Amino acid sequence: LAEATMMAAEQGDAPVVLLDDVLSELDPRNRMRLLGYLGELGAQILVTAADPALIDATMLAGLPRVSTHRGEIRTAD
């Protein structure tokens, strides 16, 4: 996160931030803190999650998403 902040300050544009299943490692309070911080950064965020319920329980619930199944990428309904 410090690097993303520094890159945004130096370049004038927020970087793309990739979060690989990070939500499962955080308690609910810290999930919201992390996502709130990223929202303030204005970065484009790509999040992976093994458990879709973790996304449903956050401010990410209404954003576009895709899923993979047997090597196919599908648009979530």
PDB file of N, CA and C in Angstrom:
ATOM      1  N   LEU A   1       0.818  -1.191   0.000  1.00  0.00           N
ATOM      2  CA  LEU A   1       0.000   0.000   0.000  1.00  0.00           C
ATOM      3  C   LEU A   1       0.859   1.250   0.000  1.00  0.00           C
ATOM      4  N   ALA A   2       1.980   1.186   0.685  1.00  0.00           N
ATOM      5  CA  ALA A   2       2.886   2.332   0.699  1.00  0.00           C
ATOM      6  C   ALA A   2       3.425   2.590  -0.707  1.00  0.00           C
ATOM      7  N   GLU A   3       3.746   1.516  -1.440  1.00  0.00           N
ATOM      8  CA  GLU A   3       4.224   1.679  -2.812  1.00  0.00           C
ATOM      9  C   GLU A   3       3.149   2.282  -3.704  1.00  0.00           C
ATOM     10  N   ALA A   4       1.918   1.848  -3.561  1.00  0.00           N
ATOM     11  CA  ALA A   4       0.823   2.382  -4.377  1.00  0.00           C
ATOM     12  C   ALA A   4       0.639   3.874  -4.100  1.00  0.00           C
ATOM     13  N   THR A   5       0.738   4.256  -2.836  1.00  0.00           N
ATOM     14  CA  THR A   5       0.610   5.666  -2.466  1.00  0.00           C
ATOM     15  C   THR A   5       1.762   6.474  -3.059  1.00  0.00           C
ATOM     16  N   MET A   6       2.961   5.944  -2.955  1.00  0.00           N
ATOM     17  CA  MET A   6       4.127   6.631  -3.495  1.00  0.00           C
ATOM     18  C   MET A   6       4.041   6.766  -5.018  1.00  0.00           C
ATOM     19  N   MET A   7       3.631   5.698  -5.682  1.00  0.00           N
ATOM     20  CA  MET A   7       3.508   5.730  -7.149  1.00  0.00           C
ATOM     21  C   MET A   7       2.461   6.753  -7.573  1.00  0.00           C
ATOM     22  N   ALA A   8       1.356   6.797  -6.870  1.00  0.00           N
ATOM     23  CA  ALA A   8       0.305   7.760  -7.199  1.00  0.00           C
ATOM     24  C   ALA A   8       0.817   9.186  -7.030  1.00  0.00           C
ATOM     25  N   ALA A   9       1.571   9.425  -5.958  1.00  0.00           N
ATOM     26  CA  ALA A   9       2.098  10.771  -5.707  1.00  0.00           C
ATOM     27  C   ALA A   9       3.131  11.164  -6.755  1.00  0.00           C
ATOM     28  N   GLU A  10       4.004  10.234  -7.124  1.00  0.00           N
ATOM     29  CA  GLU A  10       5.077  10.544  -8.076  1.00  0.00           C
ATOM     30  C   GLU A  10       4.588  10.633  -9.515  1.00  0.00           C
ATOM     31  N   GLN A  11       3.667   9.771  -9.897  1.00  0.00           N
ATOM     32  CA  GLN A  11       3.217   9.702 -11.284  1.00  0.00           C
ATOM     33  C   GLN A  11       1.981  10.555 -11.558  1.00  0.00           C
ATOM     34  N   GLY A  12       1.244  10.880 -10.526  1.00  0.00           N
ATOM     35  CA  GLY A  12       0.017  11.640 -10.715  1.00  0.00           C
ATOM     36  C   GLY A  12      -1.180  10.771 -11.071  1.00  0.00           C
ATOM     37  N   ASP A  13      -0.974   9.492 -11.238  1.00  0.00           N
ATOM     38  CA  ASP A  13      -2.039   8.527 -11.516  1.00  0.00           C
ATOM     39  C   ASP A  13      -1.925   7.379 -10.535  1.00  0.00           C
ATOM     40  N   ALA A  14      -3.069   6.894 -10.117  1.00  0.00           N
ATOM     41  CA  ALA A  14      -3.059   5.741  -9.213  1.00  0.00           C
ATOM     42  C   ALA A  14      -2.735   4.475 -10.005  1.00  0.00           C
ATOM     43  N   PRO A  15      -1.952   3.584  -9.433  1.00  0.00           N
ATOM     44  CA  PRO A  15      -1.611   2.332 -10.117  1.00  0.00           C
ATOM     45  C   PRO A  15      -2.765   1.330 -10.062  1.00  0.00           C
ATOM     46  N   VAL A  16      -2.635   0.263 -10.818  1.00  0.00           N
ATOM     47  CA  VAL A  16      -3.543  -0.871 -10.708  1.00  0.00           C
ATOM     48  C   VAL A  16      -3.059  -1.690  -9.512  1.00  0.00           C
ATOM     49  N   VAL A  17      -3.972  -2.054  -8.629  1.00  0.00           N
ATOM     50  CA  VAL A  17      -3.626  -2.818  -7.437  1.00  0.00           C
ATOM     51  C   VAL A  17      -4.244  -4.206  -7.566  1.00  0.00           C
ATOM     52  N   LEU A  18      -3.422  -5.236  -7.449  1.00  0.00           N
ATOM     53  CA  LEU A  18      -3.875  -6.625  -7.525  1.00  0.00           C
ATOM     54  C   LEU A  18      -3.881  -7.218  -6.123  1.00  0.00           C
ATOM     55  N   LEU A  19      -5.035  -7.695  -5.683  1.00  0.00           N
ATOM     56  CA  LEU A  19      -5.167  -8.302  -4.357  1.00  0.00           C
ATOM     57  C   LEU A  19      -5.581  -9.758  -4.535  1.00  0.00           C
ATOM     58  N   ASP A  20      -4.679 -10.670  -4.221  1.00  0.00           N
ATOM     59  CA  ASP A  20      -4.945 -12.094  -4.403  1.00  0.00           C
ATOM     60  C   ASP A  20      -5.406 -12.712  -3.092  1.00  0.00           C
ATOM     61  N   ASP A  21      -6.699 -12.901  -2.967  1.00  0.00           N
ATOM     62  CA  ASP A  21      -7.340 -13.546  -1.813  1.00  0.00           C
ATOM     63  C   ASP A  21      -6.941 -12.913  -0.480  1.00  0.00           C
ATOM     64  N   VAL A  22      -6.691 -11.627  -0.485  1.00  0.00           N
ATOM     65  CA  VAL A  22      -6.279 -10.938   0.734  1.00  0.00           C
ATOM     66  C   VAL A  22      -7.434 -10.794   1.728  1.00  0.00           C
ATOM     67  N   LEU A  23      -8.676 -10.765   1.248  1.00  0.00           N
ATOM     68  CA  LEU A  23      -9.807 -10.549   2.156  1.00  0.00           C
ATOM     69  C   LEU A  23      -9.974 -11.691   3.146  1.00  0.00           C
ATOM     70  N   SER A  24      -9.618 -12.910   2.751  1.00  0.00           N
ATOM     71  CA  SER A  24      -9.781 -14.048   3.654  1.00  0.00           C
ATOM     72  C   SER A  24      -8.778 -14.010   4.802  1.00  0.00           C
ATOM     73  N   GLU A  25      -7.730 -13.227   4.670  1.00  0.00           N
ATOM     74  CA  GLU A  25      -6.706 -13.148   5.705  1.00  0.00           C
ATOM     75  C   GLU A  25      -6.982 -12.046   6.729  1.00  0.00           C
ATOM     76  N   LEU A  26      -8.034 -11.258   6.480  1.00  0.00           N
ATOM     77  CA  LEU A  26      -8.320 -10.122   7.361  1.00  0.00           C
ATOM     78  C   LEU A  26      -9.645 -10.300   8.093  1.00  0.00           C
ATOM     79  N   ASP A  27      -9.737  -9.738   9.282  1.00  0.00           N
ATOM     80  CA  ASP A  27     -11.013  -9.731   9.987  1.00  0.00           C
ATOM     81  C   ASP A  27     -11.913  -8.676   9.329  1.00  0.00           C
ATOM     82  N   PRO A  28     -13.228  -8.712   9.574  1.00  0.00           N
ATOM     83  CA  PRO A  28     -14.148  -7.780   8.904  1.00  0.00           C
ATOM     84  C   PRO A  28     -13.765  -6.306   9.055  1.00  0.00           C
ATOM     85  N   ARG A  29     -13.331  -5.912  10.219  1.00  0.00           N
ATOM     86  CA  ARG A  29     -12.962  -4.507  10.447  1.00  0.00           C
ATOM     87  C   ARG A  29     -11.797  -4.095   9.535  1.00  0.00           C
ATOM     88  N   ASN A  30     -10.775  -4.940   9.469  1.00  0.00           N
ATOM     89  CA  ASN A  30      -9.613  -4.596   8.651  1.00  0.00           C
ATOM     90  C   ASN A  30      -9.884  -4.742   7.157  1.00  0.00           C
ATOM     91  N   ARG A  31     -10.832  -5.615   6.766  1.00  0.00           N
ATOM     92  CA  ARG A  31     -11.252  -5.661   5.357  1.00  0.00           C
ATOM     93  C   ARG A  31     -11.797  -4.304   4.940  1.00  0.00           C
ATOM     94  N   MET A  32     -12.691  -3.767   5.759  1.00  0.00           N
ATOM     95  CA  MET A  32     -13.299  -2.475   5.437  1.00  0.00           C
ATOM     96  C   MET A  32     -12.265  -1.353   5.450  1.00  0.00           C
ATOM     97  N   ARG A  33     -11.340  -1.411   6.373  1.00  0.00           N
ATOM     98  CA  ARG A  33     -10.279  -0.393   6.409  1.00  0.00           C
ATOM     99  C   ARG A  33      -9.437  -0.449   5.143  1.00  0.00           C
ATOM    100  N   LEU A  34      -9.055  -1.649   4.722  1.00  0.00           N
ATOM    101  CA  LEU A  34      -8.255  -1.811   3.507  1.00  0.00           C
ATOM    102  C   LEU A  34      -9.008  -1.295   2.288  1.00  0.00           C
ATOM    103  N   LEU A  35     -10.251  -1.712   2.119  1.00  0.00           N
ATOM    104  CA  LEU A  35     -11.030  -1.310   0.947  1.00  0.00           C
ATOM    105  C   LEU A  35     -11.317   0.189   0.961  1.00  0.00           C
ATOM    106  N   GLY A  36     -11.544   0.745   2.143  1.00  0.00           N
ATOM    107  CA  GLY A  36     -11.748   2.182   2.249  1.00  0.00           C
ATOM    108  C   GLY A  36     -10.503   2.950   1.836  1.00  0.00           C
ATOM    109  N   TYR A  37      -9.352   2.469   2.279  1.00  0.00           N
ATOM    110  CA  TYR A  37      -8.082   3.102   1.910  1.00  0.00           C
ATOM    111  C   TYR A  37      -7.883   3.040   0.400  1.00  0.00           C
ATOM    112  N   LEU A  38      -8.140   1.881  -0.196  1.00  0.00           N
ATOM    113  CA  LEU A  38      -7.971   1.747  -1.641  1.00  0.00           C
ATOM    114  C   LEU A  38      -8.948   2.633  -2.398  1.00  0.00           C
ATOM    115  N   GLY A  39     -10.161   2.778  -1.869  1.00  0.00           N
ATOM    116  CA  GLY A  39     -11.129   3.668  -2.498  1.00  0.00           C
ATOM    117  C   GLY A  39     -10.660   5.107  -2.492  1.00  0.00           C
ATOM    118  N   GLU A  40     -10.022   5.528  -1.405  1.00  0.00           N
ATOM    119  CA  GLU A  40      -9.479   6.879  -1.318  1.00  0.00           C
ATOM    120  C   GLU A  40      -8.300   7.073  -2.255  1.00  0.00           C
ATOM    121  N   LEU A  41      -7.546   6.004  -2.496  1.00  0.00           N
ATOM    122  CA  LEU A  41      -6.397   6.068  -3.396  1.00  0.00           C
ATOM    123  C   LEU A  41      -6.856   6.287  -4.834  1.00  0.00           C
ATOM    124  N   GLY A  42      -8.053   5.792  -5.155  1.00  0.00           N
ATOM    125  CA  GLY A  42      -8.578   5.952  -6.505  1.00  0.00           C
ATOM    126  C   GLY A  42      -7.970   4.981  -7.498  1.00  0.00           C
ATOM    127  N   ALA A  43      -7.419   3.902  -7.005  1.00  0.00           N
ATOM    128  CA  ALA A  43      -6.764   2.917  -7.864  1.00  0.00           C
ATOM    129  C   ALA A  43      -7.779   1.994  -8.527  1.00  0.00           C
ATOM    130  N   GLN A  44      -7.386   1.438  -9.667  1.00  0.00           N
ATOM    131  CA  GLN A  44      -8.154   0.346 -10.244  1.00  0.00           C
ATOM    132  C   GLN A  44      -7.740  -0.900  -9.470  1.00  0.00           C
ATOM    133  N   ILE A  45      -8.723  -1.662  -8.987  1.00  0.00           N
ATOM    134  CA  ILE A  45      -8.432  -2.788  -8.111  1.00  0.00           C
ATOM    135  C   ILE A  45      -8.947  -4.077  -8.737  1.00  0.00           C
ATOM    136  N   LEU A  46      -8.098  -5.087  -8.773  1.00  0.00           N
ATOM    137  CA  LEU A  46      -8.495  -6.431  -9.182  1.00  0.00           C
ATOM    138  C   LEU A  46      -8.353  -7.320  -7.957  1.00  0.00           C
ATOM    139  N   VAL A  47      -9.458  -7.972  -7.576  1.00  0.00           N
ATOM    140  CA  VAL A  47      -9.485  -8.784  -6.361  1.00  0.00           C
ATOM    141  C   VAL A  47      -9.843 -10.213  -6.726  1.00  0.00           C
ATOM    142  N   THR A  48      -9.095 -11.162  -6.191  1.00  0.00           N
ATOM    143  CA  THR A  48      -9.478 -12.566  -6.300  1.00  0.00           C
ATOM    144  C   THR A  48      -9.961 -13.015  -4.930  1.00  0.00           C
ATOM    145  N   ALA A  49     -10.881 -13.963  -4.935  1.00  0.00           N
ATOM    146  CA  ALA A  49     -11.385 -14.505  -3.672  1.00  0.00           C
ATOM    147  C   ALA A  49     -11.820 -15.943  -3.884  1.00  0.00           C
ATOM    148  N   ALA A  50     -11.374 -16.815  -3.009  1.00  0.00           N
ATOM    149  CA  ALA A  50     -11.807 -18.207  -3.067  1.00  0.00           C
ATOM    150  C   ALA A  50     -13.239 -18.341  -2.563  1.00  0.00           C
ATOM    151  N   ASP A  51     -13.647 -17.422  -1.705  1.00  0.00           N
ATOM    152  CA  ASP A  51     -14.991 -17.444  -1.126  1.00  0.00           C
ATOM    153  C   ASP A  51     -15.742 -16.178  -1.548  1.00  0.00           C
ATOM    154  N   PRO A  52     -16.674 -16.271  -2.506  1.00  0.00           N
ATOM    155  CA  PRO A  52     -17.406 -15.091  -2.973  1.00  0.00           C
ATOM    156  C   PRO A  52     -18.166 -14.361  -1.869  1.00  0.00           C
ATOM    157  N   ALA A  53     -18.486 -15.026  -0.784  1.00  0.00           N
ATOM    158  CA  ALA A  53     -19.197 -14.386   0.323  1.00  0.00           C
ATOM    159  C   ALA A  53     -18.371 -13.250   0.923  1.00  0.00           C
ATOM    160  N   LEU A  54     -17.055 -13.346   0.848  1.00  0.00           N
ATOM    161  CA  LEU A  54     -16.207 -12.277   1.364  1.00  0.00           C
ATOM    162  C   LEU A  54     -16.368 -11.002   0.548  1.00  0.00           C
ATOM    163  N   ILE A  55     -16.617 -11.143  -0.732  1.00  0.00           N
ATOM    164  CA  ILE A  55     -16.850  -9.964  -1.576  1.00  0.00           C
ATOM    165  C   ILE A  55     -18.259  -9.441  -1.334  1.00  0.00           C
ATOM    166  N   ASP A  56     -19.221 -10.343  -1.212  1.00  0.00           N
ATOM    167  CA  ASP A  56     -20.612  -9.943  -0.981  1.00  0.00           C
ATOM    168  C   ASP A  56     -20.760  -9.150   0.311  1.00  0.00           C
ATOM    169  N   ALA A  57     -19.902  -9.394   1.284  1.00  0.00           N
ATOM    170  CA  ALA A  57     -20.004  -8.742   2.587  1.00  0.00           C
ATOM    171  C   ALA A  57     -19.233  -7.422   2.648  1.00  0.00           C
ATOM    172  N   THR A  58     -18.770  -6.937   1.503  1.00  0.00           N
ATOM    173  CA  THR A  58     -17.992  -5.697   1.489  1.00  0.00           C
ATOM    174  C   THR A  58     -18.589  -4.716   0.491  1.00  0.00           C
ATOM    175  N   MET A  59     -17.960  -3.552   0.412  1.00  0.00           N
ATOM    176  CA  MET A  59     -18.400  -2.529  -0.527  1.00  0.00           C
ATOM    177  C   MET A  59     -18.150  -2.928  -1.981  1.00  0.00           C
ATOM    178  N   LEU A  60     -17.533  -4.064  -2.212  1.00  0.00           N
ATOM    179  CA  LEU A  60     -17.284  -4.552  -3.569  1.00  0.00           C
ATOM    180  C   LEU A  60     -18.479  -5.302  -4.156  1.00  0.00           C
ATOM    181  N   ALA A  61     -19.486  -5.576  -3.344  1.00  0.00           N
ATOM    182  CA  ALA A  61     -20.602  -6.434  -3.747  1.00  0.00           C
ATOM    183  C   ALA A  61     -21.284  -5.991  -5.039  1.00  0.00           C
ATOM    184  N   GLY A  62     -21.412  -4.693  -5.271  1.00  0.00           N
ATOM    185  CA  GLY A  62     -22.135  -4.206  -6.446  1.00  0.00           C
ATOM    186  C   GLY A  62     -21.276  -3.999  -7.679  1.00  0.00           C
ATOM    187  N   LEU A  63     -19.983  -4.278  -7.580  1.00  0.00           N
ATOM    188  CA  LEU A  63     -19.097  -4.044  -8.718  1.00  0.00           C
ATOM    189  C   LEU A  63     -19.117  -5.217  -9.690  1.00  0.00           C
ATOM    190  N   PRO A  64     -18.740  -4.983 -10.951  1.00  0.00           N
ATOM    191  CA  PRO A  64     -18.706  -6.077 -11.927  1.00  0.00           C
ATOM    192  C   PRO A  64     -17.734  -7.164 -11.478  1.00  0.00           C
ATOM    193  N   ARG A  65     -18.092  -8.392 -11.787  1.00  0.00           N
ATOM    194  CA  ARG A  65     -17.198  -9.503 -11.448  1.00  0.00           C
ATOM    195  C   ARG A  65     -17.290 -10.615 -12.471  1.00  0.00           C
ATOM    196  N   VAL A  66     -16.262 -11.414 -12.497  1.00  0.00           N
ATOM    197  CA  VAL A  66     -16.209 -12.593 -13.348  1.00  0.00           C
ATOM    198  C   VAL A  66     -15.801 -13.771 -12.478  1.00  0.00           C
ATOM    199  N   SER A  67     -16.077 -14.952 -12.974  1.00  0.00           N
ATOM    200  CA  SER A  67     -15.645 -16.157 -12.276  1.00  0.00           C
ATOM    201  C   SER A  67     -14.995 -17.087 -13.289  1.00  0.00           C
ATOM    202  N   THR A  68     -14.252 -18.033 -12.781  1.00  0.00           N
ATOM    203  CA  THR A  68     -13.653 -19.046 -13.657  1.00  0.00           C
ATOM    204  C   THR A  68     -14.164 -20.416 -13.240  1.00  0.00           C
ATOM    205  N   HIS A  69     -14.346 -21.258 -14.235  1.00  0.00           N
ATOM    206  CA  HIS A  69     -14.775 -22.631 -13.974  1.00  0.00           C
ATOM    207  C   HIS A  69     -14.223 -23.502 -15.088  1.00  0.00           C
ATOM    208  N   ARG A  70     -13.411 -24.467 -14.708  1.00  0.00           N
ATOM    209  CA  ARG A  70     -12.799 -25.388 -15.668  1.00  0.00           C
ATOM    210  C   ARG A  70     -12.139 -24.658 -16.842  1.00  0.00           C
ATOM    211  N   GLY A  71     -11.408 -23.626 -16.500  1.00  0.00           N
ATOM    212  CA  GLY A  71     -10.644 -22.894 -17.504  1.00  0.00           C
ATOM    213  C   GLY A  71     -11.430 -21.868 -18.300  1.00  0.00           C
ATOM    214  N   GLU A  72     -12.726 -21.708 -18.023  1.00  0.00           N
ATOM    215  CA  GLU A  72     -13.538 -20.715 -18.724  1.00  0.00           C
ATOM    216  C   GLU A  72     -13.783 -19.530 -17.830  1.00  0.00           C
ATOM    217  N   ILE A  73     -13.731 -18.338 -18.420  1.00  0.00           N
ATOM    218  CA  ILE A  73     -14.045 -17.112 -17.691  1.00  0.00           C
ATOM    219  C   ILE A  73     -15.494 -16.780 -17.975  1.00  0.00           C
ATOM    220  N   ARG A  74     -16.264 -16.572 -16.925  1.00  0.00           N
ATOM    221  CA  ARG A  74     -17.692 -16.280 -17.061  1.00  0.00           C
ATOM    222  C   ARG A  74     -18.034 -14.967 -16.365  1.00  0.00           C
ATOM    223  N   THR A  75     -18.945 -14.221 -16.970  1.00  0.00           N
ATOM    224  CA  THR A  75     -19.457 -13.037 -16.333  1.00  0.00           C
ATOM    225  C   THR A  75     -20.434 -13.458 -15.265  1.00  0.00           C
ATOM    226  N   ALA A  76     -20.264 -12.922 -14.059  1.00  0.00           N
ATOM    227  CA  ALA A  76     -21.177 -13.268 -12.972  1.00  0.00           C
ATOM    228  C   ALA A  76     -22.510 -12.564 -13.199  1.00  0.00           C
ATOM    229  N   ASP A  77     -23.584 -13.224 -12.798  1.00  0.00           N
ATOM    230  CA  ASP A  77     -24.923 -12.649 -12.966  1.00  0.00           C
ATOM    231  C   ASP A  77     -25.205 -11.576 -11.952  1.00  0.00           C
TER     232      ASP A  77
END
